[in-house]
């Protein structure tokens, strides 16, 4: 299960943002795989077992997530987490004055 605070984040470059305003969407499962494998140091087999999916699914989703992050970082695109539970409740932090700079 993905933590509600993690799955509601959006990231945008402060300098040299993508002129077209293109946003890369990471799925919650992709973020969880990045956390388990790249941050926690799990092997792909361990992550597959923890998530109840095949190792092949882990490899494919992890490859996709890493490619999305690399694309965003190298081209100045924003990253948002898709399937945000706060957005479905109309409580997206992007509407928060602190986030938008409208204090």
N, C-alpha and C. Protein backbone atom coordinates (compact mmCIF):
# COMPACT_ATOMS: atom_id res chain seq x y z
N UNK A 1 0.83 -1.18 0.00
CA UNK A 1 0.00 0.00 0.00
C UNK A 1 0.88 1.24 0.00
N UNK A 2 0.51 2.22 -0.79
CA UNK A 2 1.33 3.41 -0.93
C UNK A 2 0.84 4.49 0.00
N UNK A 3 1.78 5.13 0.67
CA UNK A 3 1.49 6.19 1.63
C UNK A 3 0.82 7.37 0.93
N UNK A 4 -0.27 7.86 1.49
CA UNK A 4 -1.04 8.98 0.93
C UNK A 4 -0.19 10.23 0.75
N UNK A 5 0.78 10.46 1.64
CA UNK A 5 1.59 11.66 1.53
C UNK A 5 2.58 11.56 0.38
N UNK A 6 3.03 10.36 0.06
CA UNK A 6 3.97 10.17 -1.04
C UNK A 6 3.25 10.25 -2.38
N UNK A 7 2.05 9.70 -2.46
CA UNK A 7 1.37 9.61 -3.74
C UNK A 7 0.65 10.89 -4.13
N UNK A 8 0.90 11.98 -3.41
CA UNK A 8 0.23 13.23 -3.74
C UNK A 8 1.22 14.32 -4.13
N UNK A 9 2.41 13.93 -4.49
CA UNK A 9 3.44 14.92 -4.78
C UNK A 9 3.60 15.17 -6.27
N UNK A 10 3.95 16.41 -6.57
CA UNK A 10 4.31 16.82 -7.92
C UNK A 10 5.67 17.52 -7.82
N UNK A 11 6.49 17.36 -8.83
CA UNK A 11 7.82 17.96 -8.83
C UNK A 11 8.02 18.72 -10.13
N UNK A 12 8.53 19.94 -10.02
CA UNK A 12 8.79 20.76 -11.20
C UNK A 12 10.14 21.43 -11.03
N UNK A 13 10.86 21.60 -12.13
CA UNK A 13 12.15 22.28 -12.04
C UNK A 13 11.96 23.76 -11.70
N UNK A 14 12.83 24.29 -10.89
CA UNK A 14 12.80 25.70 -10.53
C UNK A 14 13.44 26.54 -11.64
N UNK A 15 14.43 25.99 -12.28
CA UNK A 15 15.16 26.71 -13.33
C UNK A 15 15.01 25.95 -14.64
N UNK A 16 14.87 26.65 -15.70
CA UNK A 16 14.80 26.09 -17.04
C UNK A 16 13.72 25.02 -17.19
N UNK A 17 12.50 25.32 -16.81
CA UNK A 17 11.44 24.33 -17.01
C UNK A 17 11.15 24.11 -18.48
N UNK A 18 10.57 23.00 -18.79
CA UNK A 18 10.20 22.67 -20.15
C UNK A 18 9.21 23.72 -20.66
N UNK A 19 9.52 24.32 -21.79
CA UNK A 19 8.71 25.43 -22.31
C UNK A 19 7.29 25.02 -22.67
N UNK A 20 7.11 23.77 -23.07
CA UNK A 20 5.77 23.31 -23.44
C UNK A 20 4.92 22.94 -22.23
N UNK A 21 5.51 22.93 -21.06
CA UNK A 21 4.76 22.59 -19.86
C UNK A 21 4.38 21.11 -19.80
N UNK A 22 5.17 20.27 -20.43
CA UNK A 22 4.88 18.84 -20.46
C UNK A 22 5.15 18.22 -19.09
N UNK A 23 4.25 17.37 -18.67
CA UNK A 23 4.37 16.68 -17.39
C UNK A 23 4.48 15.18 -17.62
N UNK A 24 5.41 14.57 -16.93
CA UNK A 24 5.59 13.12 -16.94
C UNK A 24 4.78 12.56 -15.76
N UNK A 25 3.99 11.54 -16.01
CA UNK A 25 3.20 10.93 -14.94
C UNK A 25 3.80 9.59 -14.56
N UNK A 26 4.16 9.48 -13.29
CA UNK A 26 4.60 8.21 -12.72
C UNK A 26 3.42 7.57 -12.02
N UNK A 27 3.20 6.31 -12.29
CA UNK A 27 2.12 5.59 -11.61
C UNK A 27 2.56 5.24 -10.20
N UNK A 28 1.62 5.14 -9.26
CA UNK A 28 2.00 4.80 -7.89
C UNK A 28 2.83 3.52 -7.78
N UNK A 29 2.52 2.51 -8.59
CA UNK A 29 3.30 1.27 -8.55
C UNK A 29 4.73 1.49 -9.03
N UNK A 30 4.92 2.40 -9.98
CA UNK A 30 6.27 2.71 -10.46
C UNK A 30 7.07 3.41 -9.36
N UNK A 31 6.43 4.31 -8.65
CA UNK A 31 7.10 5.01 -7.54
C UNK A 31 7.48 4.01 -6.45
N UNK A 32 6.57 3.09 -6.16
CA UNK A 32 6.85 2.08 -5.14
C UNK A 32 8.03 1.20 -5.55
N UNK A 33 8.11 0.85 -6.81
CA UNK A 33 9.25 0.05 -7.27
C UNK A 33 10.55 0.83 -7.18
N UNK A 34 10.53 2.11 -7.54
CA UNK A 34 11.73 2.94 -7.40
C UNK A 34 12.16 2.98 -5.94
N UNK A 35 11.20 3.08 -5.05
CA UNK A 35 11.52 3.10 -3.61
C UNK A 35 12.12 1.78 -3.16
N UNK A 36 11.45 0.69 -3.49
CA UNK A 36 11.90 -0.62 -3.03
C UNK A 36 13.26 -1.01 -3.59
N UNK A 37 13.44 -0.83 -4.89
CA UNK A 37 14.67 -1.30 -5.55
C UNK A 37 15.80 -0.28 -5.44
N UNK A 38 15.53 0.95 -5.82
CA UNK A 38 16.61 1.94 -5.87
C UNK A 38 16.91 2.60 -4.53
N UNK A 39 15.92 2.78 -3.69
CA UNK A 39 16.16 3.43 -2.41
C UNK A 39 16.42 2.42 -1.29
N UNK A 40 15.57 1.39 -1.19
CA UNK A 40 15.71 0.39 -0.13
C UNK A 40 16.72 -0.70 -0.46
N UNK A 41 17.10 -0.81 -1.73
CA UNK A 41 18.11 -1.78 -2.13
C UNK A 41 17.62 -3.21 -2.31
N UNK A 42 16.32 -3.39 -2.46
CA UNK A 42 15.78 -4.74 -2.69
C UNK A 42 16.20 -5.25 -4.07
N UNK A 43 16.36 -6.54 -4.16
CA UNK A 43 16.53 -7.18 -5.46
C UNK A 43 15.17 -7.20 -6.15
N UNK A 44 15.17 -7.28 -7.47
CA UNK A 44 13.91 -7.29 -8.21
C UNK A 44 13.03 -8.46 -7.79
N UNK A 45 13.63 -9.60 -7.50
CA UNK A 45 12.86 -10.76 -7.07
C UNK A 45 12.14 -10.48 -5.75
N UNK A 46 12.85 -9.81 -4.82
CA UNK A 46 12.26 -9.47 -3.53
C UNK A 46 11.10 -8.48 -3.70
N UNK A 47 11.31 -7.49 -4.56
CA UNK A 47 10.26 -6.49 -4.81
C UNK A 47 9.04 -7.15 -5.44
N UNK A 48 9.28 -8.08 -6.35
CA UNK A 48 8.17 -8.79 -7.00
C UNK A 48 7.35 -9.55 -5.96
N UNK A 49 8.04 -10.21 -5.06
CA UNK A 49 7.35 -10.96 -4.01
C UNK A 49 6.58 -10.02 -3.08
N UNK A 50 7.21 -8.91 -2.71
CA UNK A 50 6.56 -7.95 -1.81
C UNK A 50 5.30 -7.35 -2.43
N UNK A 51 5.32 -7.14 -3.74
CA UNK A 51 4.17 -6.54 -4.42
C UNK A 51 3.20 -7.57 -4.99
N UNK A 52 3.58 -8.84 -4.96
CA UNK A 52 2.71 -9.89 -5.47
C UNK A 52 2.58 -9.90 -6.98
N UNK A 53 3.68 -9.55 -7.66
CA UNK A 53 3.69 -9.55 -9.13
C UNK A 53 4.90 -10.37 -9.59
N UNK A 54 4.97 -10.61 -10.89
CA UNK A 54 6.10 -11.37 -11.42
C UNK A 54 7.35 -10.50 -11.51
N UNK A 55 8.49 -11.17 -11.54
CA UNK A 55 9.75 -10.45 -11.68
C UNK A 55 9.78 -9.72 -13.02
N UNK A 56 9.19 -10.32 -14.03
CA UNK A 56 9.14 -9.69 -15.35
C UNK A 56 8.35 -8.38 -15.30
N UNK A 57 7.25 -8.36 -14.56
CA UNK A 57 6.47 -7.14 -14.38
C UNK A 57 7.28 -6.08 -13.66
N UNK A 58 8.00 -6.49 -12.62
CA UNK A 58 8.86 -5.56 -11.89
C UNK A 58 9.90 -4.98 -12.83
N UNK A 59 10.57 -5.81 -13.61
CA UNK A 59 11.60 -5.32 -14.52
C UNK A 59 11.02 -4.31 -15.49
N UNK A 60 9.89 -4.65 -16.10
CA UNK A 60 9.26 -3.77 -17.10
C UNK A 60 8.85 -2.44 -16.48
N UNK A 61 8.16 -2.49 -15.33
CA UNK A 61 7.68 -1.27 -14.69
C UNK A 61 8.83 -0.41 -14.15
N UNK A 62 9.86 -1.06 -13.63
CA UNK A 62 11.02 -0.33 -13.12
C UNK A 62 11.76 0.36 -14.27
N UNK A 63 11.92 -0.36 -15.38
CA UNK A 63 12.57 0.21 -16.57
C UNK A 63 11.78 1.44 -17.06
N UNK A 64 10.46 1.32 -17.10
CA UNK A 64 9.60 2.42 -17.54
C UNK A 64 9.72 3.61 -16.59
N UNK A 65 9.69 3.35 -15.30
CA UNK A 65 9.78 4.43 -14.30
C UNK A 65 11.12 5.16 -14.40
N UNK A 66 12.20 4.41 -14.52
CA UNK A 66 13.53 5.03 -14.62
C UNK A 66 13.64 5.88 -15.88
N UNK A 67 13.08 5.39 -16.97
CA UNK A 67 13.11 6.13 -18.23
C UNK A 67 12.33 7.44 -18.10
N UNK A 68 11.16 7.39 -17.44
CA UNK A 68 10.35 8.59 -17.24
C UNK A 68 11.10 9.62 -16.40
N UNK A 69 11.73 9.18 -15.32
CA UNK A 69 12.47 10.08 -14.44
C UNK A 69 13.65 10.69 -15.19
N UNK A 70 14.38 9.88 -15.94
CA UNK A 70 15.50 10.39 -16.72
C UNK A 70 15.04 11.42 -17.75
N UNK A 71 13.92 11.15 -18.39
CA UNK A 71 13.36 12.09 -19.37
C UNK A 71 13.04 13.42 -18.69
N UNK A 72 12.36 13.37 -17.56
CA UNK A 72 11.98 14.59 -16.87
C UNK A 72 13.21 15.38 -16.40
N UNK A 73 14.18 14.69 -15.84
CA UNK A 73 15.36 15.36 -15.31
C UNK A 73 16.22 15.98 -16.41
N UNK A 74 16.30 15.35 -17.55
CA UNK A 74 17.17 15.86 -18.61
C UNK A 74 16.49 16.86 -19.54
N UNK A 75 15.17 16.95 -19.50
CA UNK A 75 14.47 17.85 -20.41
C UNK A 75 13.68 18.94 -19.68
N UNK A 76 13.73 18.96 -18.36
CA UNK A 76 13.04 20.00 -17.60
C UNK A 76 11.54 19.81 -17.48
N UNK A 77 11.07 18.58 -17.67
CA UNK A 77 9.64 18.31 -17.54
C UNK A 77 9.27 18.12 -16.08
N UNK A 78 8.03 18.42 -15.75
CA UNK A 78 7.52 18.20 -14.41
C UNK A 78 7.18 16.73 -14.24
N UNK A 79 7.18 16.28 -12.99
CA UNK A 79 6.79 14.91 -12.66
C UNK A 79 5.60 14.99 -11.72
N UNK A 80 4.57 14.22 -12.03
CA UNK A 80 3.45 14.10 -11.11
C UNK A 80 3.18 12.62 -10.88
N UNK A 81 2.58 12.32 -9.74
CA UNK A 81 2.25 10.96 -9.41
C UNK A 81 0.80 10.73 -9.81
N UNK A 82 0.57 9.83 -10.75
CA UNK A 82 -0.78 9.51 -11.21
C UNK A 82 -1.54 8.72 -10.17
N UNK A 83 -2.85 8.82 -10.22
CA UNK A 83 -3.68 8.07 -9.28
C UNK A 83 -3.62 8.61 -7.88
N UNK A 84 -3.36 9.89 -7.75
CA UNK A 84 -3.25 10.51 -6.44
C UNK A 84 -4.58 10.42 -5.70
N UNK A 85 -4.62 9.79 -4.51
CA UNK A 85 -5.87 9.67 -3.78
C UNK A 85 -6.41 11.02 -3.32
N UNK A 86 -5.55 11.99 -3.13
CA UNK A 86 -6.02 13.32 -2.72
C UNK A 86 -6.75 14.00 -3.87
N UNK A 87 -6.28 13.80 -5.11
CA UNK A 87 -6.94 14.42 -6.26
C UNK A 87 -8.35 13.86 -6.42
N UNK A 88 -8.53 12.58 -6.16
CA UNK A 88 -9.85 11.99 -6.30
C UNK A 88 -10.84 12.52 -5.25
N UNK A 89 -10.31 13.09 -4.17
CA UNK A 89 -11.15 13.70 -3.14
C UNK A 89 -11.20 15.22 -3.28
N UNK A 90 -10.75 15.73 -4.43
CA UNK A 90 -10.67 17.18 -4.69
C UNK A 90 -9.81 17.89 -3.65
N UNK A 91 -8.78 17.22 -3.17
CA UNK A 91 -7.89 17.81 -2.18
C UNK A 91 -6.45 17.84 -2.67
N UNK A 92 -6.28 18.03 -3.97
CA UNK A 92 -4.94 18.05 -4.56
C UNK A 92 -4.13 19.19 -3.95
N UNK A 93 -2.91 18.93 -3.50
CA UNK A 93 -2.10 19.99 -2.90
C UNK A 93 -1.80 21.12 -3.88
N UNK A 94 -1.94 20.88 -5.19
CA UNK A 94 -1.68 21.95 -6.15
C UNK A 94 -2.66 23.10 -5.98
N UNK A 95 -3.80 22.85 -5.32
CA UNK A 95 -4.77 23.91 -5.06
C UNK A 95 -4.45 24.66 -3.78
N UNK A 96 -3.50 24.15 -3.02
CA UNK A 96 -3.13 24.75 -1.74
C UNK A 96 -2.37 26.06 -2.00
N UNK A 97 -2.71 27.14 -1.28
CA UNK A 97 -2.00 28.41 -1.47
C UNK A 97 -0.49 28.29 -1.27
N UNK A 98 -0.06 27.41 -0.37
CA UNK A 98 1.37 27.22 -0.13
C UNK A 98 2.04 26.67 -1.38
N UNK A 99 1.36 25.77 -2.10
CA UNK A 99 1.93 25.16 -3.29
C UNK A 99 1.93 26.13 -4.46
N UNK A 100 0.87 26.87 -4.63
CA UNK A 100 0.74 27.76 -5.79
C UNK A 100 1.43 29.09 -5.59
N UNK A 101 1.84 29.39 -4.37
CA UNK A 101 2.51 30.65 -4.10
C UNK A 101 1.53 31.79 -3.84
N UNK A 102 0.24 31.48 -3.74
CA UNK A 102 -0.78 32.50 -3.47
C UNK A 102 -1.02 32.60 -1.96
N UNK A 103 -0.10 33.13 -1.24
CA UNK A 103 -0.22 33.22 0.22
C UNK A 103 -1.08 34.38 0.63
